[in-house]
Amino acid sequence: MEKNSIAIKSAIKIETLTKIYRRSHLGRLHTTTGVKNLSLEVKTGEIFGLVGLNGSGKTTTIKLILGLLFPTDGKITVFGNPMPDRKKLHLIGYLPELPYFHKKFTGKELLVFYSKLSGMDRGLIPGRIQEIAGLLEMVPYMDKRISDYSKGMMQRLAIAQSLVHDPPLLVFDELVSGLDPLGIREMRTLVQKLKERGKTVFFSSHLISEVERVCDRVGILHGGSLVRVVEQTDWQRTNLEDIFISEVKK
């Protein structure tokens, strides 16, 4: 029986998670640690940011949550459900760092495709797409081909496909990657709207100033380990960038 996501305090719970990559080269086994002994809890309804230097384990953590990678050790639950579990993936909407869509589709055609792929009732699809297009201010662009979309509009479309099946948890990898200042501001506003609608948002970013402006809490990853979880009250006393630099230089 599926757990009631509203009643679960933890949207994501990670316990002593370790991922070791193994590869063989010239008869020798080489290992690289992606994340090690990582424990983290994301509360239902909050915006949680994950920051770290390149190679710190941000994308590995996200892929482990989604079941795109399997852990070497440890466990993950999403709204109390052990992961990975293909039957529970409908609880998550995912935005990859580099989304790719067939450019001959229109925005509407793409969202219809993803709606059907998620198993939505076909009678509900038109209304849901209209709702998402309105939320993301995409209505004038829905009948245009994706090849004509700007970078910012492509990012909105990628978020739209993550929202179309109405998941309670949204996982975004580098949400504002490659966007100009206007696009970044629009994404910030959108994330706040999603929180107001009761969504839990978990995202990685290398732009600490943006994470500071939108998140309730922030986890700092360094060398595959979670070195600190920072509360809003912490960066109200001193800025998040200074906290981050202090932690990664220890």
Foldseek 3Di string as FASTA:
>chain_A
DDADLVPQQFQKWWAQFWAKDWDDDPRDIDIATLAGGATDTFTFLFEEEEEEDPSLNQVVVVCCQQVVDPTPDTWMDGSNHTDDDPVCNLQEQEQEPDDDDDQQAFLLRVLLVLCVVSPHDNVCQVVLLVVLCVLLVNVVRRRPGNVPDDPLVVLSSSVSSSPSSPHQEYEYEASCPPHDPVSLVSVLVSVVVSSVVRHYYYYYHHPQVSCLVRGQKYFYGGNNYGQDIGGNVRCVVPNPVVVNVVRRVD
